[in-house]
PDB file of N, CA and C in Angstrom:
ATOM      1  N   UNK A   1     110.924  74.554 109.638  1.00  0.00           N
ATOM      2  CA  UNK A   1     110.324  75.533 110.504  1.00  0.00           C
ATOM      3  C   UNK A   1     110.770  75.344 111.948  1.00  0.00           C
ATOM      4  N   UNK A   2     111.046  74.147 112.371  1.00  0.00           N
ATOM      5  CA  UNK A   2     111.368  73.882 113.769  1.00  0.00           C
ATOM      6  C   UNK A   2     112.511  74.741 114.297  1.00  0.00           C
ATOM      7  N   UNK A   3     113.476  75.064 113.469  1.00  0.00           N
ATOM      8  CA  UNK A   3     114.600  75.864 113.941  1.00  0.00           C
ATOM      9  C   UNK A   3     114.187  77.286 114.301  1.00  0.00           C
ATOM     10  N   UNK A   4     113.047  77.737 113.816  1.00  0.00           N
ATOM     11  CA  UNK A   4     112.591  79.095 114.102  1.00  0.00           C
ATOM     12  C   UNK A   4     111.534  79.164 115.201  1.00  0.00           C
ATOM     13  N   UNK A   5     111.038  78.035 115.652  1.00  0.00           N
ATOM     14  CA  UNK A   5     109.994  78.049 116.681  1.00  0.00           C
ATOM     15  C   UNK A   5     110.441  78.775 117.939  1.00  0.00           C
ATOM     16  N   UNK A   6     111.654  78.550 118.368  1.00  0.00           N
ATOM     17  CA  UNK A   6     112.132  79.226 119.575  1.00  0.00           C
ATOM     18  C   UNK A   6     112.243  80.733 119.357  1.00  0.00           C
ATOM     19  N   UNK A   7     112.530  81.147 118.136  1.00  0.00           N
ATOM     20  CA  UNK A   7     112.590  82.581 117.847  1.00  0.00           C
ATOM     21  C   UNK A   7     111.207  83.219 117.936  1.00  0.00           C
ATOM     22  N   UNK A   8     110.190  82.531 117.458  1.00  0.00           N
ATOM     23  CA  UNK A   8     108.822  83.061 117.576  1.00  0.00           C
ATOM     24  C   UNK A   8     108.471  83.263 119.046  1.00  0.00           C
ATOM     25  N   UNK A   9     108.825  82.295 119.873  1.00  0.00           N
ATOM     26  CA  UNK A   9     108.561  82.419 121.317  1.00  0.00           C
ATOM     27  C   UNK A   9     109.338  83.581 121.917  1.00  0.00           C
ATOM     28  N   UNK A  10     110.603  83.666 121.557  1.00  0.00           N
ATOM     29  CA  UNK A  10     111.502  84.657 122.129  1.00  0.00           C
ATOM     30  C   UNK A  10     111.035  86.093 121.856  1.00  0.00           C
ATOM     31  N   UNK A  11     110.496  86.343 120.673  1.00  0.00           N
ATOM     32  CA  UNK A  11     110.125  87.709 120.289  1.00  0.00           C
ATOM     33  C   UNK A  11     108.648  88.018 120.498  1.00  0.00           C
ATOM     34  N   UNK A  12     107.864  87.045 120.957  1.00  0.00           N
ATOM     35  CA  UNK A  12     106.408  87.218 121.000  1.00  0.00           C
ATOM     36  C   UNK A  12     105.954  88.413 121.838  1.00  0.00           C
ATOM     37  N   UNK A  13     106.544  88.634 123.000  1.00  0.00           N
ATOM     38  CA  UNK A  13     106.123  89.766 123.832  1.00  0.00           C
ATOM     39  C   UNK A  13     106.397  91.087 123.123  1.00  0.00           C
ATOM     40  N   UNK A  14     107.575  91.218 122.553  1.00  0.00           N
ATOM     41  CA  UNK A  14     107.912  92.451 121.829  1.00  0.00           C
ATOM     42  C   UNK A  14     107.009  92.639 120.618  1.00  0.00           C
ATOM     43  N   UNK A  15     106.686  91.559 119.929  1.00  0.00           N
ATOM     44  CA  UNK A  15     105.842  91.666 118.732  1.00  0.00           C
ATOM     45  C   UNK A  15     104.415  92.050 119.089  1.00  0.00           C
ATOM     46  N   UNK A  16     103.877  91.490 120.149  1.00  0.00           N
ATOM     47  CA  UNK A  16     102.517  91.847 120.582  1.00  0.00           C
ATOM     48  C   UNK A  16     102.412  93.304 121.005  1.00  0.00           C
ATOM     49  N   UNK A  17     103.525  93.887 121.398  1.00  0.00           N
ATOM     50  CA  UNK A  17     103.533  95.289 121.819  1.00  0.00           C
ATOM     51  C   UNK A  17     103.575  96.255 120.632  1.00  0.00           C
ATOM     52  N   UNK A  18     103.818  95.738 119.448  1.00  0.00           N
ATOM     53  CA  UNK A  18     103.893  96.587 118.255  1.00  0.00           C
ATOM     54  C   UNK A  18     102.476  96.929 117.800  1.00  0.00           C
ATOM     55  N   UNK A  19     102.071  98.173 118.004  1.00  0.00           N
ATOM     56  CA  UNK A  19     100.711  98.586 117.670  1.00  0.00           C
ATOM     57  C   UNK A  19     100.662  99.238 116.292  1.00  0.00           C
ATOM     58  N   UNK A  20      99.535  99.080 115.654  1.00  0.00           N
ATOM     59  CA  UNK A  20      99.304  99.629 114.317  1.00  0.00           C
ATOM     60  C   UNK A  20      99.400 101.148 114.347  1.00  0.00           C
ATOM     61  N   UNK A  21     100.155 101.680 113.418  1.00  0.00           N
ATOM     62  CA  UNK A  21     100.291 103.129 113.243  1.00  0.00           C
ATOM     63  C   UNK A  21      99.853 103.465 111.819  1.00  0.00           C
ATOM     64  N   UNK A  22      98.841 104.284 111.696  1.00  0.00           N
ATOM     65  CA  UNK A  22      98.319 104.597 110.362  1.00  0.00           C
ATOM     66  C   UNK A  22      99.340 105.331 109.489  1.00  0.00           C
ATOM     67  N   UNK A  23     100.329 105.959 110.105  1.00  0.00           N
ATOM     68  CA  UNK A  23     101.345 106.678 109.341  1.00  0.00           C
ATOM     69  C   UNK A  23     102.655 105.900 109.196  1.00  0.00           C
ATOM     70  N   UNK A  24     102.637 104.615 109.491  1.00  0.00           N
ATOM     71  CA  UNK A  24     103.846 103.799 109.350  1.00  0.00           C
ATOM     72  C   UNK A  24     104.296 103.799 107.892  1.00  0.00           C
ATOM     73  N   UNK A  25     105.596 103.791 107.707  1.00  0.00           N
ATOM     74  CA  UNK A  25     106.149 103.776 106.354  1.00  0.00           C
ATOM     75  C   UNK A  25     106.315 102.338 105.877  1.00  0.00           C
ATOM     76  N   UNK A  26     106.075 102.159 104.602  1.00  0.00           N
ATOM     77  CA  UNK A  26     106.204 100.838 104.003  1.00  0.00           C
ATOM     78  C   UNK A  26     107.606 100.670 103.430  1.00  0.00           C
ATOM     79  N   UNK A  27     108.136  99.463 103.565  1.00  0.00           N
ATOM     80  CA  UNK A  27     109.476  99.148 103.074  1.00  0.00           C
ATOM     81  C   UNK A  27     109.447  97.801 102.357  1.00  0.00           C
ATOM     82  N   UNK A  28     110.549  97.514 101.709  1.00  0.00           N
ATOM     83  CA  UNK A  28     110.705  96.240 101.006  1.00  0.00           C
ATOM     84  C   UNK A  28     111.934  95.535 101.551  1.00  0.00           C
ATOM     85  N   UNK A  29     111.777  94.266 101.881  1.00  0.00           N
ATOM     86  CA  UNK A  29     112.887  93.444 102.353  1.00  0.00           C
ATOM     87  C   UNK A  29     113.314  92.532 101.216  1.00  0.00           C
ATOM     88  N   UNK A  30     114.504  92.771 100.697  1.00  0.00           N
ATOM     89  CA  UNK A  30     115.002  92.005  99.557  1.00  0.00           C
ATOM     90  C   UNK A  30     115.177  90.533  99.885  1.00  0.00           C
ATOM     91  N   UNK A  31     115.634  90.225 101.101  1.00  0.00           N
ATOM     92  CA  UNK A  31     115.898  88.834 101.456  1.00  0.00           C
ATOM     93  C   UNK A  31     114.626  88.000 101.571  1.00  0.00           C
ATOM     94  N   UNK A  32     113.528  88.624 101.963  1.00  0.00           N
ATOM     95  CA  UNK A  32     112.273  87.884 102.043  1.00  0.00           C
ATOM     96  C   UNK A  32     111.379  88.146 100.836  1.00  0.00           C
ATOM     97  N   UNK A  33     111.790  89.075  99.978  1.00  0.00           N
ATOM     98  CA  UNK A  33     110.984  89.479  98.825  1.00  0.00           C
ATOM     99  C   UNK A  33     109.583  89.852  99.291  1.00  0.00           C
ATOM    100  N   UNK A  34     109.537  90.785 100.248  1.00  0.00           N
ATOM    101  CA  UNK A  34     108.263  91.080 100.894  1.00  0.00           C
ATOM    102  C   UNK A  34     108.194  92.517 101.394  1.00  0.00           C
ATOM    103  N   UNK A  35     106.962  92.963 101.560  1.00  0.00           N
ATOM    104  CA  UNK A  35     106.696  94.272 102.150  1.00  0.00           C
ATOM    105  C   UNK A  35     106.661  94.158 103.668  1.00  0.00           C
ATOM    106  N   UNK A  36     107.031  95.231 104.336  1.00  0.00           N
ATOM    107  CA  UNK A  36     106.870  95.350 105.787  1.00  0.00           C
ATOM    108  C   UNK A  36     106.733  96.833 106.114  1.00  0.00           C
ATOM    109  N   UNK A  37     106.156  97.114 107.270  1.00  0.00           N
ATOM    110  CA  UNK A  37     105.926  98.488 107.704  1.00  0.00           C
ATOM    111  C   UNK A  37     106.781  98.787 108.932  1.00  0.00           C
ATOM    112  N   UNK A  38     107.085 100.069 109.127  1.00  0.00           N
ATOM    113  CA  UNK A  38     107.980 100.473 110.209  1.00  0.00           C
ATOM    114  C   UNK A  38     107.418 100.211 111.604  1.00  0.00           C
ATOM    115  N   UNK A  39     106.140  99.988 111.729  1.00  0.00           N
ATOM    116  CA  UNK A  39     105.564  99.687 113.046  1.00  0.00           C
ATOM    117  C   UNK A  39     105.525  98.188 113.339  1.00  0.00           C
ATOM    118  N   UNK A  40     106.211  97.398 112.527  1.00  0.00           N
ATOM    119  CA  UNK A  40     106.152  95.940 112.662  1.00  0.00           C
ATOM    120  C   UNK A  40     107.414  95.300 113.240  1.00  0.00           C
ATOM    121  N   UNK A  41     108.467  96.039 113.384  1.00  0.00           N
ATOM    122  CA  UNK A  41     109.716  95.503 113.914  1.00  0.00           C
ATOM    123  C   UNK A  41     110.118  96.288 115.153  1.00  0.00           C
ATOM    124  N   UNK A  42     110.247  95.626 116.278  1.00  0.00           N
ATOM    125  CA  UNK A  42     110.657  96.333 117.499  1.00  0.00           C
ATOM    126  C   UNK A  42     112.141  96.691 117.460  1.00  0.00           C
ATOM    127  N   UNK A  43     112.537  97.621 118.307  1.00  0.00           N
ATOM    128  CA  UNK A  43     113.970  97.939 118.382  1.00  0.00           C
ATOM    129  C   UNK A  43     114.772  96.699 118.795  1.00  0.00           C
ATOM    130  N   UNK A  44     115.994  96.644 118.371  1.00  0.00           N
ATOM    131  CA  UNK A  44     116.838  95.481 118.654  1.00  0.00           C
ATOM    132  C   UNK A  44     117.502  95.552 120.033  1.00  0.00           C
ATOM    133  N   UNK A  45     117.037  96.419 120.874  1.00  0.00           N
ATOM    134  CA  UNK A  45     117.661  96.650 122.176  1.00  0.00           C
ATOM    135  C   UNK A  45     118.001  95.368 122.920  1.00  0.00           C
ATOM    136  N   UNK A  46     117.058  94.474 123.036  1.00  0.00           N
ATOM    137  CA  UNK A  46     117.267  93.242 123.808  1.00  0.00           C
ATOM    138  C   UNK A  46     117.372  91.993 122.932  1.00  0.00           C
ATOM    139  N   UNK A  47     117.611  92.194 121.651  1.00  0.00           N
ATOM    140  CA  UNK A  47     117.617  91.075 120.720  1.00  0.00           C
ATOM    141  C   UNK A  47     118.805  91.181 119.774  1.00  0.00           C
ATOM    142  N   UNK A  48     119.103  90.077 119.141  1.00  0.00           N
ATOM    143  CA  UNK A  48     120.057  90.047 118.039  1.00  0.00           C
ATOM    144  C   UNK A  48     119.250  90.124 116.747  1.00  0.00           C
ATOM    145  N   UNK A  49     119.792  90.688 115.689  1.00  0.00           N
ATOM    146  CA  UNK A  49     119.037  90.747 114.427  1.00  0.00           C
ATOM    147  C   UNK A  49     118.514  89.382 113.987  1.00  0.00           C
ATOM    148  N   UNK A  50     119.284  88.332 114.192  1.00  0.00           N
ATOM    149  CA  UNK A  50     118.854  87.003 113.740  1.00  0.00           C
ATOM    150  C   UNK A  50     117.632  86.493 114.495  1.00  0.00           C
ATOM    151  N   UNK A  51     117.335  87.068 115.677  1.00  0.00           N
ATOM    152  CA  UNK A  51     116.139  86.665 116.411  1.00  0.00           C
ATOM    153  C   UNK A  51     114.873  86.967 115.615  1.00  0.00           C
ATOM    154  N   UNK A  52     114.981  87.879 114.661  1.00  0.00           N
ATOM    155  CA  UNK A  52     113.826  88.284 113.865  1.00  0.00           C
ATOM    156  C   UNK A  52     113.812  87.686 112.458  1.00  0.00           C
ATOM    157  N   UNK A  53     114.766  86.823 112.150  1.00  0.00           N
ATOM    158  CA  UNK A  53     114.797  86.208 110.828  1.00  0.00           C
ATOM    159  C   UNK A  53     113.521  85.434 110.542  1.00  0.00           C
ATOM    160  N   UNK A  54     112.899  84.898 111.572  1.00  0.00           N
ATOM    161  CA  UNK A  54     111.664  84.145 111.374  1.00  0.00           C
ATOM    162  C   UNK A  54     110.571  85.018 110.750  1.00  0.00           C
ATOM    163  N   UNK A  55     110.684  86.331 110.928  1.00  0.00           N
ATOM    164  CA  UNK A  55     109.678  87.236 110.357  1.00  0.00           C
ATOM    165  C   UNK A  55     109.746  87.285 108.835  1.00  0.00           C
ATOM    166  N   UNK A  56     110.879  86.964 108.275  1.00  0.00           N
ATOM    167  CA  UNK A  56     110.981  86.981 106.810  1.00  0.00           C
ATOM    168  C   UNK A  56     109.943  86.069 106.179  1.00  0.00           C
ATOM    169  N   UNK A  57     109.710  84.932 106.778  1.00  0.00           N
ATOM    170  CA  UNK A  57     108.722  83.993 106.249  1.00  0.00           C
ATOM    171  C   UNK A  57     107.309  84.535 106.414  1.00  0.00           C
ATOM    172  N   UNK A  58     107.078  85.222 107.508  1.00  0.00           N
ATOM    173  CA  UNK A  58     105.768  85.826 107.777  1.00  0.00           C
ATOM    174  C   UNK A  58     105.520  86.964 106.784  1.00  0.00           C
ATOM    175  N   UNK A  59     106.519  87.820 106.598  1.00  0.00           N
ATOM    176  CA  UNK A  59     106.388  88.914 105.632  1.00  0.00           C
ATOM    177  C   UNK A  59     106.164  88.370 104.225  1.00  0.00           C
ATOM    178  N   UNK A  60     106.879  87.315 103.874  1.00  0.00           N
ATOM    179  CA  UNK A  60     106.739  86.741 102.529  1.00  0.00           C
ATOM    180  C   UNK A  60     105.330  86.175 102.316  1.00  0.00           C
ATOM    181  N   UNK A  61     104.838  85.442 103.322  1.00  0.00           N
ATOM    182  CA  UNK A  61     103.495  84.879 103.183  1.00  0.00           C
ATOM    183  C   UNK A  61     102.471  86.002 103.040  1.00  0.00           C
ATOM    184  N   UNK A  62     102.558  87.013 103.907  1.00  0.00           N
ATOM    185  CA  UNK A  62     101.589  88.106 103.843  1.00  0.00           C
ATOM    186  C   UNK A  62     101.650  88.818 102.495  1.00  0.00           C
ATOM    187  N   UNK A  63     102.857  89.017 101.971  1.00  0.00           N
ATOM    188  CA  UNK A  63     102.980  89.653 100.662  1.00  0.00           C
ATOM    189  C   UNK A  63     102.309  88.805  99.589  1.00  0.00           C
ATOM    190  N   UNK A  64     102.416  87.499  99.703  1.00  0.00           N
ATOM    191  CA  UNK A  64     101.738  86.632  98.725  1.00  0.00           C
ATOM    192  C   UNK A  64     100.219  86.773  98.836  1.00  0.00           C
ATOM    193  N   UNK A  65      99.719  87.030 100.030  1.00  0.00           N
ATOM    194  CA  UNK A  65      98.288  87.293 100.215  1.00  0.00           C
ATOM    195  C   UNK A  65      97.923  88.609  99.539  1.00  0.00           C
ATOM    196  N   UNK A  66      98.721  89.637  99.774  1.00  0.00           N
ATOM    197  CA  UNK A  66      98.477  90.945  99.153  1.00  0.00           C
ATOM    198  C   UNK A  66      98.446  90.812  97.633  1.00  0.00           C
ATOM    199  N   UNK A  67      99.343  89.990  97.081  1.00  0.00           N
ATOM    200  CA  UNK A  67      99.430  89.784  95.638  1.00  0.00           C
ATOM    201  C   UNK A  67      98.346  88.845  95.115  1.00  0.00           C
ATOM    202  N   UNK A  68      97.576  88.264  96.033  1.00  0.00           N
ATOM    203  CA  UNK A  68      96.540  87.293  95.693  1.00  0.00           C
ATOM    204  C   UNK A  68      97.139  86.082  94.960  1.00  0.00           C
ATOM    205  N   UNK A  69      98.298  85.665  95.429  1.00  0.00           N
ATOM    206  CA  UNK A  69      99.023  84.530  94.877  1.00  0.00           C
ATOM    207  C   UNK A  69      99.686  83.804  96.057  1.00  0.00           C
ATOM    208  N   UNK A  70      98.869  83.112  96.843  1.00  0.00           N
ATOM    209  CA  UNK A  70      99.295  82.529  98.112  1.00  0.00           C
ATOM    210  C   UNK A  70     100.487  81.598  97.939  1.00  0.00           C
ATOM    211  N   UNK A  71     101.522  81.853  98.734  1.00  0.00           N
ATOM    212  CA  UNK A  71     102.718  81.023  98.758  1.00  0.00           C
ATOM    213  C   UNK A  71     102.600  80.080  99.956  1.00  0.00           C
ATOM    214  N   UNK A  72     102.031  78.916  99.724  1.00  0.00           N
ATOM    215  CA  UNK A  72     101.725  77.973 100.801  1.00  0.00           C
ATOM    216  C   UNK A  72     102.968  77.474 101.540  1.00  0.00           C
ATOM    217  N   UNK A  73     104.137  77.623 100.944  1.00  0.00           N
ATOM    218  CA  UNK A  73     105.375  77.181 101.606  1.00  0.00           C
ATOM    219  C   UNK A  73     105.586  77.892 102.939  1.00  0.00           C
ATOM    220  N   UNK A  74     104.997  79.064 103.107  1.00  0.00           N
ATOM    221  CA  UNK A  74     105.229  79.868 104.308  1.00  0.00           C
ATOM    222  C   UNK A  74     104.011  79.976 105.219  1.00  0.00           C
ATOM    223  N   UNK A  75     102.974  79.255 104.900  1.00  0.00           N
ATOM    224  CA  UNK A  75     101.733  79.341 105.680  1.00  0.00           C
ATOM    225  C   UNK A  75     101.913  78.883 107.129  1.00  0.00           C
ATOM    226  N   UNK A  76     102.726  77.880 107.368  1.00  0.00           N
ATOM    227  CA  UNK A  76     102.953  77.418 108.742  1.00  0.00           C
ATOM    228  C   UNK A  76     103.603  78.507 109.601  1.00  0.00           C
ATOM    229  N   UNK A  77     104.495  79.283 109.016  1.00  0.00           N
ATOM    230  CA  UNK A  77     105.128  80.390 109.755  1.00  0.00           C
ATOM    231  C   UNK A  77     104.084  81.461 110.089  1.00  0.00           C
ATOM    232  N   UNK A  78     103.241  81.757 109.124  1.00  0.00           N
ATOM    233  CA  UNK A  78     102.156  82.717 109.326  1.00  0.00           C
ATOM    234  C   UNK A  78     101.266  82.272 110.486  1.00  0.00           C
ATOM    235  N   UNK A  79     100.877  81.007 110.457  1.00  0.00           N
ATOM    236  CA  UNK A  79     100.001  80.483 111.510  1.00  0.00           C
ATOM    237  C   UNK A  79     100.685  80.490 112.876  1.00  0.00           C
ATOM    238  N   UNK A  80     101.968  80.204 112.912  1.00  0.00           N
ATOM    239  CA  UNK A  80     102.709  80.260 114.171  1.00  0.00           C
ATOM    240  C   UNK A  80     102.755  81.692 114.704  1.00  0.00           C
ATOM    241  N   UNK A  81     102.968  82.631 113.820  1.00  0.00           N
ATOM    242  CA  UNK A  81     102.970  84.042 114.238  1.00  0.00           C
ATOM    243  C   UNK A  81     101.596  84.455 114.762  1.00  0.00           C
ATOM    244  N   UNK A  82     100.538  84.009 114.117  1.00  0.00           N
ATOM    245  CA  UNK A  82      99.181  84.314 114.592  1.00  0.00           C
ATOM    246  C   UNK A  82      98.957  83.803 116.009  1.00  0.00           C
ATOM    247  N   UNK A  83      99.505  82.647 116.296  1.00  0.00           N
ATOM    248  CA  UNK A  83      99.373  82.067 117.641  1.00  0.00           C
ATOM    249  C   UNK A  83     100.234  82.830 118.644  1.00  0.00           C
ATOM    250  N   UNK A  84     101.480  83.124 118.276  1.00  0.00           N
ATOM    251  CA  UNK A  84     102.437  83.712 119.212  1.00  0.00           C
ATOM    252  C   UNK A  84     102.240  85.204 119.454  1.00  0.00           C
ATOM    253  N   UNK A  85     101.852  85.946 118.408  1.00  0.00           N
ATOM    254  CA  UNK A  85     101.643  87.384 118.605  1.00  0.00           C
ATOM    255  C   UNK A  85     100.433  87.888 117.824  1.00  0.00           C
ATOM    256  N   UNK A  86      99.237  87.504 118.288  1.00  0.00           N
ATOM    257  CA  UNK A  86      97.998  87.863 117.598  1.00  0.00           C
ATOM    258  C   UNK A  86      97.692  89.366 117.588  1.00  0.00           C
ATOM    259  N   UNK A  87      98.296  90.140 118.467  1.00  0.00           N
ATOM    260  CA  UNK A  87      98.026  91.576 118.530  1.00  0.00           C
ATOM    261  C   UNK A  87      99.000  92.418 117.717  1.00  0.00           C
ATOM    262  N   UNK A  88      99.870  91.781 116.999  1.00  0.00           N
ATOM    263  CA  UNK A  88     100.913  92.446 116.219  1.00  0.00           C
ATOM    264  C   UNK A  88     100.327  93.361 115.144  1.00  0.00           C
ATOM    265  N   UNK A  89     100.952  94.515 114.960  1.00  0.00           N
ATOM    266  CA  UNK A  89     100.520  95.489 113.947  1.00  0.00           C
ATOM    267  C   UNK A  89     100.481  94.887 112.547  1.00  0.00           C
ATOM    268  N   UNK A  90     101.344  93.934 112.279  1.00  0.00           N
ATOM    269  CA  UNK A  90     101.411  93.317 110.953  1.00  0.00           C
ATOM    270  C   UNK A  90     100.187  92.527 110.561  1.00  0.00           C
ATOM    271  N   UNK A  91      99.335  92.233 111.536  1.00  0.00           N
ATOM    272  CA  UNK A  91      98.102  91.515 111.234  1.00  0.00           C
ATOM    273  C   UNK A  91      96.913  92.457 111.031  1.00  0.00           C
ATOM    274  N   UNK A  92      97.177  93.747 110.954  1.00  0.00           N
ATOM    275  CA  UNK A  92      96.082  94.693 110.720  1.00  0.00           C
ATOM    276  C   UNK A  92      95.402  94.340 109.403  1.00  0.00           C
ATOM    277  N   UNK A  93      94.084  94.397 109.403  1.00  0.00           N
ATOM    278  CA  UNK A  93      93.309  93.967 108.224  1.00  0.00           C
ATOM    279  C   UNK A  93      93.700  94.697 106.949  1.00  0.00           C
ATOM    280  N   UNK A  94      94.164  95.929 107.040  1.00  0.00           N
ATOM    281  CA  UNK A  94      94.541  96.687 105.839  1.00  0.00           C
ATOM    282  C   UNK A  94      95.800  96.129 105.171  1.00  0.00           C
ATOM    283  N   UNK A  95      96.498  95.229 105.852  1.00  0.00           N
ATOM    284  CA  UNK A  95      97.749  94.679 105.328  1.00  0.00           C
ATOM    285  C   UNK A  95      97.674  93.185 105.032  1.00  0.00           C
ATOM    286  N   UNK A  96      96.510  92.598 105.221  1.00  0.00           N
ATOM    287  CA  UNK A  96      96.420  91.131 105.162  1.00  0.00           C
ATOM    288  C   UNK A  96      95.349  90.622 104.205  1.00  0.00           C
ATOM    289  N   UNK A  97      95.146  91.321 103.128  1.00  0.00           N
ATOM    290  CA  UNK A  97      94.189  90.853 102.129  1.00  0.00           C
ATOM    291  C   UNK A  97      94.670  91.315 100.755  1.00  0.00           C
ATOM    292  N   UNK A  98      94.157  90.691  99.699  1.00  0.00           N
ATOM    293  CA  UNK A  98      94.560  91.127  98.363  1.00  0.00           C
ATOM    294  C   UNK A  98      94.313  92.632  98.204  1.00  0.00           C
ATOM    295  N   UNK A  99      95.315  93.314  97.631  1.00  0.00           N
ATOM    296  CA  UNK A  99      95.240  94.767  97.543  1.00  0.00           C
ATOM    297  C   UNK A  99      96.046  95.222  96.324  1.00  0.00           C
ATOM    298  N   UNK A 100      95.358  95.748  95.327  1.00  0.00           N
ATOM    299  CA  UNK A 100      96.033  96.150  94.086  1.00  0.00           C
ATOM    300  C   UNK A 100      97.033  97.282  94.301  1.00  0.00           C
ATOM    301  N   UNK A 101      96.674  98.240  95.152  1.00  0.00           N
ATOM    302  CA  UNK A 101      97.579  99.364  95.419  1.00  0.00           C
ATOM    303  C   UNK A 101      98.871  98.883  96.077  1.00  0.00           C
ATOM    304  N   UNK A 102      98.744  98.034  97.082  1.00  0.00           N
ATOM    305  CA  UNK A 102      99.940  97.492  97.742  1.00  0.00           C
ATOM    306  C   UNK A 102     100.720  96.574  96.806  1.00  0.00           C
ATOM    307  N   UNK A 103     100.015  95.843  95.941  1.00  0.00           N
ATOM    308  CA  UNK A 103     100.687  94.977  94.973  1.00  0.00           C
ATOM    309  C   UNK A 103     101.539  95.816  94.022  1.00  0.00           C
ATOM    310  N   UNK A 104     101.035  96.960  93.626  1.00  0.00           N
ATOM    311  CA  UNK A 104     101.802  97.846  92.740  1.00  0.00           C
ATOM    312  C   UNK A 104     103.015  98.414  93.476  1.00  0.00           C
ATOM    313  N   UNK A 105     102.834  98.805  94.725  1.00  0.00           N
ATOM    314  CA  UNK A 105     103.961  99.282  95.529  1.00  0.00           C
ATOM    315  C   UNK A 105     105.013  98.184  95.641  1.00  0.00           C
ATOM    316  N   UNK A 106     104.568  96.966  95.894  1.00  0.00           N
ATOM    317  CA  UNK A 106     105.486  95.826  95.960  1.00  0.00           C
ATOM    318  C   UNK A 106     106.279  95.700  94.658  1.00  0.00           C
ATOM    319  N   UNK A 107     105.592  95.730  93.536  1.00  0.00           N
ATOM    320  CA  UNK A 107     106.274  95.543  92.241  1.00  0.00           C
ATOM    321  C   UNK A 107     107.331  96.628  92.010  1.00  0.00           C
ATOM    322  N   UNK A 108     106.990  97.858  92.359  1.00  0.00           N
ATOM    323  CA  UNK A 108     107.945  98.954  92.202  1.00  0.00           C
ATOM    324  C   UNK A 108     109.146  98.773  93.133  1.00  0.00           C
ATOM    325  N   UNK A 109     108.871  98.426  94.384  1.00  0.00           N
ATOM    326  CA  UNK A 109     109.960  98.251  95.349  1.00  0.00           C
ATOM    327  C   UNK A 109     110.810  97.029  95.008  1.00  0.00           C
ATOM    328  N   UNK A 110     110.177  95.975  94.542  1.00  0.00           N
ATOM    329  CA  UNK A 110     110.922  94.779  94.146  1.00  0.00           C
ATOM    330  C   UNK A 110     111.869  95.109  92.998  1.00  0.00           C
ATOM    331  N   UNK A 111     111.368  95.833  92.009  1.00  0.00           N
ATOM    332  CA  UNK A 111     112.207  96.211  90.874  1.00  0.00           C
ATOM    333  C   UNK A 111     113.377  97.070  91.337  1.00  0.00           C
ATOM    334  N   UNK A 112     113.120  98.015  92.226  1.00  0.00           N
ATOM    335  CA  UNK A 112     114.191  98.848  92.768  1.00  0.00           C
ATOM    336  C   UNK A 112     115.168  98.048  93.597  1.00  0.00           C
ATOM    337  N   UNK A 113     114.658  97.097  94.369  1.00  0.00           N
ATOM    338  CA  UNK A 113     115.528  96.257  95.188  1.00  0.00           C
ATOM    339  C   UNK A 113     116.430  95.397  94.342  1.00  0.00           C
ATOM    340  N   UNK A 114     115.892  94.837  93.292  1.00  0.00           N
ATOM    341  CA  UNK A 114     116.705  94.004  92.411  1.00  0.00           C
ATOM    342  C   UNK A 114     117.731  94.853  91.679  1.00  0.00           C
ATOM    343  N   UNK A 115     117.336  96.067  91.308  1.00  0.00           N
ATOM    344  CA  UNK A 115     118.282  96.963  90.641  1.00  0.00           C
ATOM    345  C   UNK A 115     119.437  97.297  91.578  1.00  0.00           C
ATOM    346  N   UNK A 116     119.131  97.615  92.834  1.00  0.00           N
ATOM    347  CA  UNK A 116     120.196  97.949  93.775  1.00  0.00           C
ATOM    348  C   UNK A 116     121.063  96.724  94.078  1.00  0.00           C
ATOM    349  N   UNK A 117     120.476  95.556  94.056  1.00  0.00           N
ATOM    350  CA  UNK A 117     121.240  94.325  94.267  1.00  0.00           C
ATOM    351  C   UNK A 117     122.269  94.162  93.151  1.00  0.00           C
ATOM    352  N   UNK A 118     121.850  94.426  91.936  1.00  0.00           N
ATOM    353  CA  UNK A 118     122.763  94.345  90.798  1.00  0.00           C
ATOM    354  C   UNK A 118     123.866  95.376  90.872  1.00  0.00           C
ATOM    355  N   UNK A 119     123.540  96.563  91.373  1.00  0.00           N
ATOM    356  CA  UNK A 119     124.539  97.626  91.486  1.00  0.00           C
ATOM    357  C   UNK A 119     125.583  97.303  92.540  1.00  0.00           C
ATOM    358  N   UNK A 120     125.211  96.565  93.565  1.00  0.00           N
ATOM    359  CA  UNK A 120     126.161  96.199  94.597  1.00  0.00           C
ATOM    360  C   UNK A 120     127.293  95.374  93.994  1.00  0.00           C
ATOM    361  N   UNK A 121     126.935  94.504  93.098  1.00  0.00           N
ATOM    362  CA  UNK A 121     127.943  93.665  92.450  1.00  0.00           C
ATOM    363  C   UNK A 121     128.631  94.363  91.283  1.00  0.00           C
ATOM    364  N   UNK A 122     128.294  95.622  91.040  1.00  0.00           N
ATOM    365  CA  UNK A 122     128.912  96.362  89.954  1.00  0.00           C
ATOM    366  C   UNK A 122     128.354  96.025  88.595  1.00  0.00           C
ATOM    367  N   UNK A 123     127.172  95.389  88.597  1.00  0.00           N
ATOM    368  CA  UNK A 123     126.547  95.026  87.326  1.00  0.00           C
ATOM    369  C   UNK A 123     125.113  95.502  87.322  1.00  0.00           C
ATOM    370  N   UNK A 124     124.573  95.656  86.154  1.00  0.00           N
ATOM    371  CA  UNK A 124     123.142  95.917  86.037  1.00  0.00           C
ATOM    372  C   UNK A 124     122.411  94.599  86.043  1.00  0.00           C
ATOM    373  N   UNK A 125     121.250  94.582  86.683  1.00  0.00           N
ATOM    374  CA  UNK A 125     120.440  93.371  86.729  1.00  0.00           C
ATOM    375  C   UNK A 125     119.559  93.316  85.510  1.00  0.00           C
TER     376      UNK A 125
END
């Protein structure tokens, strides 16, 4: 986790500015195997994409909460994010508790993501 601590600091102001939008679209991140919403990632104007890699661990932990199958390997990242950007849209209560509807959306998106991953290599998964 130590290699990402500076990234949490670097993006904290931008992340705290991300406000909850009830109409935000939900997406699936294949690399983190997690759900995220369009109001949770700021524009890359002043950042490099890798500055936000630390969010993959946060998204993964939150998705494990939604699935009611806590992935403790990522809890420290979650806690660091809570400290660094407590006002972030991603911490909205509707996204941070076990939720069957969101779990089903996750399963569908995960299956689609894995299918597209297989197609990239020219094979079916």
